[in-house]
């Protein structure tokens, strides 16, 4: 599993959840943000990726889907049924935002 690709999709998914007039994904370089996030070696990011990947696999979703956009209904159902996974997304987003600002 490529942590950077998973982090990219986690950031994309989280931003899609809060997308609105004040948030434009098109203005962000998610690959760069994810790279900086993973490179920060923050334990919170590793833990968040592990929690998401574990829940993903237990839900029967294909492992390779973690590295592609999570727009499928099964992914949405996974996050809807597991609010703690939103916390994991927020952990990744928090480090990404901090890393991007540095």
N, C-alpha and C. Protein backbone atom coordinates (compact mmCIF):
# COMPACT_ATOMS: atom_id res chain seq x y z
N UNK A 1 0.84 -1.18 0.00
CA UNK A 1 0.00 0.00 0.00
C UNK A 1 0.88 1.25 0.00
N UNK A 2 0.49 2.20 -0.77
CA UNK A 2 1.23 3.45 -0.87
C UNK A 2 0.56 4.48 0.05
N UNK A 3 1.22 4.80 1.15
CA UNK A 3 0.64 5.72 2.13
C UNK A 3 0.36 7.09 1.52
N UNK A 4 1.21 7.54 0.63
CA UNK A 4 1.01 8.85 0.02
C UNK A 4 -0.26 8.88 -0.83
N UNK A 5 -0.50 7.81 -1.59
CA UNK A 5 -1.72 7.76 -2.40
C UNK A 5 -2.97 7.66 -1.52
N UNK A 6 -2.87 6.89 -0.45
CA UNK A 6 -4.00 6.78 0.47
C UNK A 6 -4.27 8.13 1.12
N UNK A 7 -3.22 8.83 1.52
CA UNK A 7 -3.38 10.16 2.12
C UNK A 7 -4.00 11.13 1.12
N UNK A 8 -3.60 11.04 -0.15
CA UNK A 8 -4.20 11.90 -1.18
C UNK A 8 -5.69 11.66 -1.26
N UNK A 9 -6.10 10.41 -1.31
CA UNK A 9 -7.52 10.09 -1.42
C UNK A 9 -8.28 10.45 -0.14
N UNK A 10 -7.62 10.31 1.01
CA UNK A 10 -8.25 10.72 2.27
C UNK A 10 -8.51 12.22 2.27
N UNK A 11 -7.52 13.00 1.83
CA UNK A 11 -7.69 14.46 1.76
C UNK A 11 -8.80 14.82 0.78
N UNK A 12 -8.78 14.17 -0.39
CA UNK A 12 -9.81 14.46 -1.40
C UNK A 12 -11.20 14.14 -0.85
N UNK A 13 -11.34 12.99 -0.20
CA UNK A 13 -12.63 12.57 0.32
C UNK A 13 -13.11 13.54 1.41
N UNK A 14 -12.21 13.90 2.31
CA UNK A 14 -12.61 14.80 3.41
C UNK A 14 -13.02 16.16 2.87
N UNK A 15 -12.28 16.66 1.90
CA UNK A 15 -12.63 17.96 1.32
C UNK A 15 -13.95 17.89 0.55
N UNK A 16 -14.22 16.77 -0.09
CA UNK A 16 -15.51 16.60 -0.77
C UNK A 16 -16.67 16.64 0.23
N UNK A 17 -16.43 16.12 1.45
CA UNK A 17 -17.48 16.12 2.46
C UNK A 17 -17.83 17.53 2.93
N UNK A 18 -16.86 18.43 2.90
CA UNK A 18 -17.10 19.79 3.38
C UNK A 18 -17.12 20.81 2.23
N UNK A 19 -17.11 20.30 1.04
CA UNK A 19 -17.06 21.17 -0.14
C UNK A 19 -18.21 22.17 -0.12
N UNK A 20 -17.88 23.37 -0.45
CA UNK A 20 -18.86 24.44 -0.51
C UNK A 20 -18.23 25.65 -1.13
N UNK A 21 -18.88 26.78 -1.03
CA UNK A 21 -18.35 27.97 -1.67
C UNK A 21 -17.01 28.43 -1.09
N UNK A 22 -16.69 28.03 0.13
CA UNK A 22 -15.45 28.46 0.74
C UNK A 22 -14.30 27.48 0.54
N UNK A 23 -14.60 26.27 0.04
CA UNK A 23 -13.57 25.25 -0.14
C UNK A 23 -13.54 24.84 -1.60
N UNK A 24 -12.41 25.07 -2.25
CA UNK A 24 -12.24 24.66 -3.64
C UNK A 24 -11.08 23.68 -3.72
N UNK A 25 -11.40 22.46 -4.04
CA UNK A 25 -10.38 21.42 -4.16
C UNK A 25 -9.46 21.72 -5.33
N UNK A 26 -10.00 22.35 -6.36
CA UNK A 26 -9.22 22.62 -7.57
C UNK A 26 -8.03 23.53 -7.29
N UNK A 27 -8.09 24.31 -6.23
CA UNK A 27 -7.00 25.23 -5.90
C UNK A 27 -5.89 24.57 -5.10
N UNK A 28 -6.05 23.30 -4.75
CA UNK A 28 -5.09 22.62 -3.89
C UNK A 28 -4.32 21.56 -4.66
N UNK A 29 -3.06 21.40 -4.32
CA UNK A 29 -2.25 20.31 -4.86
C UNK A 29 -2.28 19.19 -3.84
N UNK A 30 -3.27 18.30 -3.97
CA UNK A 30 -3.46 17.25 -2.97
C UNK A 30 -2.29 16.27 -2.93
N UNK A 31 -1.67 16.01 -4.09
CA UNK A 31 -0.51 15.12 -4.10
C UNK A 31 0.64 15.71 -3.28
N UNK A 32 0.86 16.99 -3.44
CA UNK A 32 1.93 17.66 -2.69
C UNK A 32 1.60 17.67 -1.20
N UNK A 33 0.35 17.97 -0.88
CA UNK A 33 -0.08 17.98 0.53
C UNK A 33 0.08 16.60 1.16
N UNK A 34 -0.32 15.57 0.42
CA UNK A 34 -0.22 14.21 0.94
C UNK A 34 1.24 13.81 1.12
N UNK A 35 2.08 14.19 0.17
CA UNK A 35 3.50 13.88 0.29
C UNK A 35 4.11 14.51 1.53
N UNK A 36 3.79 15.77 1.77
CA UNK A 36 4.31 16.46 2.95
C UNK A 36 3.74 15.85 4.23
N UNK A 37 2.51 15.41 4.17
CA UNK A 37 1.85 14.81 5.33
C UNK A 37 2.53 13.49 5.72
N UNK A 38 2.74 12.65 4.73
CA UNK A 38 3.38 11.36 5.00
C UNK A 38 4.84 11.57 5.40
N UNK A 39 5.51 12.51 4.75
CA UNK A 39 6.93 12.78 5.06
C UNK A 39 7.11 13.34 6.46
N UNK A 40 6.07 13.92 7.02
CA UNK A 40 6.18 14.49 8.37
C UNK A 40 6.41 13.41 9.43
N UNK A 41 6.10 12.17 9.08
CA UNK A 41 6.27 11.03 9.98
C UNK A 41 5.53 11.19 11.30
N UNK A 42 4.39 11.86 11.24
CA UNK A 42 3.54 12.03 12.43
C UNK A 42 2.86 10.70 12.75
N UNK A 43 2.96 10.21 13.97
CA UNK A 43 2.28 8.97 14.34
C UNK A 43 0.76 9.03 14.10
N UNK A 44 0.17 10.21 14.25
CA UNK A 44 -1.28 10.34 14.03
C UNK A 44 -1.66 10.00 12.60
N UNK A 45 -0.81 10.34 11.65
CA UNK A 45 -1.09 10.05 10.24
C UNK A 45 -0.99 8.54 9.99
N UNK A 46 0.07 7.93 10.48
CA UNK A 46 0.22 6.48 10.31
C UNK A 46 -0.95 5.74 10.94
N UNK A 47 -1.34 6.17 12.12
CA UNK A 47 -2.46 5.54 12.81
C UNK A 47 -3.76 5.72 12.03
N UNK A 48 -4.00 6.92 11.53
CA UNK A 48 -5.22 7.20 10.77
C UNK A 48 -5.29 6.35 9.51
N UNK A 49 -4.18 6.27 8.79
CA UNK A 49 -4.15 5.46 7.57
C UNK A 49 -4.40 3.99 7.91
N UNK A 50 -3.80 3.52 8.98
CA UNK A 50 -3.99 2.13 9.41
C UNK A 50 -5.46 1.87 9.78
N UNK A 51 -6.08 2.80 10.52
CA UNK A 51 -7.49 2.62 10.92
C UNK A 51 -8.40 2.59 9.70
N UNK A 52 -8.16 3.49 8.76
CA UNK A 52 -8.98 3.54 7.55
C UNK A 52 -8.79 2.27 6.73
N UNK A 53 -7.53 1.88 6.51
CA UNK A 53 -7.25 0.69 5.70
C UNK A 53 -7.83 -0.57 6.33
N UNK A 54 -7.73 -0.69 7.64
CA UNK A 54 -8.27 -1.86 8.33
C UNK A 54 -9.79 -1.93 8.17
N UNK A 55 -10.47 -0.82 8.39
CA UNK A 55 -11.93 -0.79 8.24
C UNK A 55 -12.32 -1.05 6.79
N UNK A 56 -11.56 -0.51 5.87
CA UNK A 56 -11.82 -0.68 4.44
C UNK A 56 -11.79 -2.16 4.05
N UNK A 57 -10.73 -2.84 4.47
CA UNK A 57 -10.56 -4.26 4.14
C UNK A 57 -11.62 -5.10 4.85
N UNK A 58 -11.90 -4.80 6.12
CA UNK A 58 -12.93 -5.54 6.86
C UNK A 58 -14.31 -5.37 6.24
N UNK A 59 -14.54 -4.23 5.58
CA UNK A 59 -15.83 -3.99 4.92
C UNK A 59 -15.93 -4.71 3.58
N UNK A 60 -14.83 -5.37 3.18
CA UNK A 60 -14.85 -6.13 1.94
C UNK A 60 -14.54 -5.30 0.70
N UNK A 61 -14.09 -4.07 0.90
CA UNK A 61 -13.71 -3.24 -0.25
C UNK A 61 -12.34 -3.67 -0.74
N UNK A 62 -12.09 -3.59 -2.04
CA UNK A 62 -10.79 -4.03 -2.57
C UNK A 62 -9.66 -3.13 -2.10
N UNK A 63 -8.56 -3.73 -1.70
CA UNK A 63 -7.41 -2.98 -1.17
C UNK A 63 -6.91 -1.95 -2.17
N UNK A 64 -6.91 -2.28 -3.44
CA UNK A 64 -6.41 -1.33 -4.44
C UNK A 64 -7.30 -0.09 -4.55
N UNK A 65 -8.52 -0.18 -4.07
CA UNK A 65 -9.43 0.96 -4.06
C UNK A 65 -9.00 2.07 -3.11
N UNK A 66 -8.15 1.75 -2.16
CA UNK A 66 -7.65 2.76 -1.23
C UNK A 66 -6.81 3.83 -1.94
N UNK A 67 -6.25 3.46 -3.08
CA UNK A 67 -5.37 4.38 -3.81
C UNK A 67 -6.07 5.04 -4.99
N UNK A 68 -7.38 4.90 -5.06
CA UNK A 68 -8.20 5.54 -6.11
C UNK A 68 -9.25 6.41 -5.43
N UNK A 69 -9.86 7.35 -6.15
CA UNK A 69 -10.90 8.18 -5.52
C UNK A 69 -11.98 7.31 -4.84
N UNK A 70 -12.40 7.76 -3.67
CA UNK A 70 -13.32 7.00 -2.85
C UNK A 70 -14.78 7.39 -3.08
N UNK A 71 -15.14 7.69 -4.29
CA UNK A 71 -16.48 8.17 -4.58
C UNK A 71 -17.55 7.10 -4.68
N UNK A 72 -17.21 5.83 -4.48
CA UNK A 72 -18.20 4.76 -4.64
C UNK A 72 -19.16 4.72 -3.44
N UNK A 73 -20.36 4.24 -3.67
CA UNK A 73 -21.35 4.16 -2.58
C UNK A 73 -20.88 3.31 -1.40
N UNK A 74 -20.09 2.27 -1.66
CA UNK A 74 -19.61 1.41 -0.57
C UNK A 74 -18.67 2.18 0.36
N UNK A 75 -17.82 3.04 -0.21
CA UNK A 75 -16.93 3.85 0.62
C UNK A 75 -17.74 4.83 1.45
N UNK A 76 -18.72 5.44 0.82
CA UNK A 76 -19.58 6.38 1.55
C UNK A 76 -20.28 5.68 2.71
N UNK A 77 -20.78 4.47 2.45
CA UNK A 77 -21.46 3.70 3.51
C UNK A 77 -20.48 3.37 4.64
N UNK A 78 -19.24 3.05 4.29
CA UNK A 78 -18.24 2.75 5.31
C UNK A 78 -18.02 3.94 6.24
N UNK A 79 -17.87 5.13 5.67
CA UNK A 79 -17.63 6.31 6.50
C UNK A 79 -18.90 6.73 7.24
N UNK A 80 -20.05 6.53 6.64
CA UNK A 80 -21.31 6.85 7.32
C UNK A 80 -21.52 5.94 8.54
N UNK A 81 -21.14 4.68 8.40
CA UNK A 81 -21.34 3.71 9.48
C UNK A 81 -20.27 3.78 10.57
N UNK A 82 -19.16 4.46 10.27
CA UNK A 82 -18.04 4.52 11.21
C UNK A 82 -17.58 5.95 11.39
N UNK A 83 -18.26 6.73 12.24
CA UNK A 83 -17.90 8.12 12.43
C UNK A 83 -16.46 8.32 12.92
N UNK A 84 -15.89 7.30 13.57
CA UNK A 84 -14.50 7.41 14.01
C UNK A 84 -13.54 7.50 12.83
N UNK A 85 -13.97 7.04 11.67
CA UNK A 85 -13.12 7.16 10.48
C UNK A 85 -13.07 8.62 10.00
N UNK A 86 -14.11 9.38 10.28
CA UNK A 86 -14.07 10.81 9.96
C UNK A 86 -13.00 11.48 10.83
N UNK A 87 -12.89 11.02 12.07
CA UNK A 87 -11.82 11.52 12.94
C UNK A 87 -10.45 11.19 12.35
N UNK A 88 -10.32 10.01 11.78
CA UNK A 88 -9.05 9.63 11.14
C UNK A 88 -8.76 10.54 9.95
N UNK A 89 -9.80 10.84 9.16
CA UNK A 89 -9.62 11.79 8.05
C UNK A 89 -9.18 13.15 8.58
N UNK A 90 -9.78 13.57 9.67
CA UNK A 90 -9.42 14.86 10.26
C UNK A 90 -7.99 14.87 10.78
N UNK A 91 -7.52 13.74 11.30
CA UNK A 91 -6.13 13.66 11.73
C UNK A 91 -5.18 13.88 10.55
N UNK A 92 -5.50 13.26 9.43
CA UNK A 92 -4.69 13.43 8.22
C UNK A 92 -4.77 14.87 7.74
N UNK A 93 -5.96 15.43 7.73
CA UNK A 93 -6.16 16.81 7.26
C UNK A 93 -5.42 17.80 8.15
N UNK A 94 -5.45 17.58 9.44
CA UNK A 94 -4.79 18.48 10.39
C UNK A 94 -3.28 18.54 10.12
N UNK A 95 -2.67 17.39 9.93
CA UNK A 95 -1.23 17.35 9.65
C UNK A 95 -0.95 17.92 8.27
N UNK A 96 -1.82 17.64 7.30
CA UNK A 96 -1.63 18.17 5.95
C UNK A 96 -1.68 19.69 5.95
N UNK A 97 -2.62 20.24 6.69
CA UNK A 97 -2.77 21.69 6.76
C UNK A 97 -1.54 22.32 7.43
N UNK A 98 -1.10 21.70 8.50
CA UNK A 98 0.07 22.20 9.20
C UNK A 98 1.32 22.07 8.32
N UNK A 99 1.47 20.94 7.64
CA UNK A 99 2.63 20.72 6.77
C UNK A 99 2.61 21.67 5.58
N UNK A 100 1.43 21.93 5.05
CA UNK A 100 1.28 22.81 3.90
C UNK A 100 1.60 24.27 4.27
N UNK A 101 1.28 24.63 5.51
CA UNK A 101 1.52 26.01 5.95
C UNK A 101 3.00 26.25 6.27
N UNK A 102 3.71 25.19 6.57
CA UNK A 102 5.14 25.33 6.96
C UNK A 102 6.04 25.66 5.81
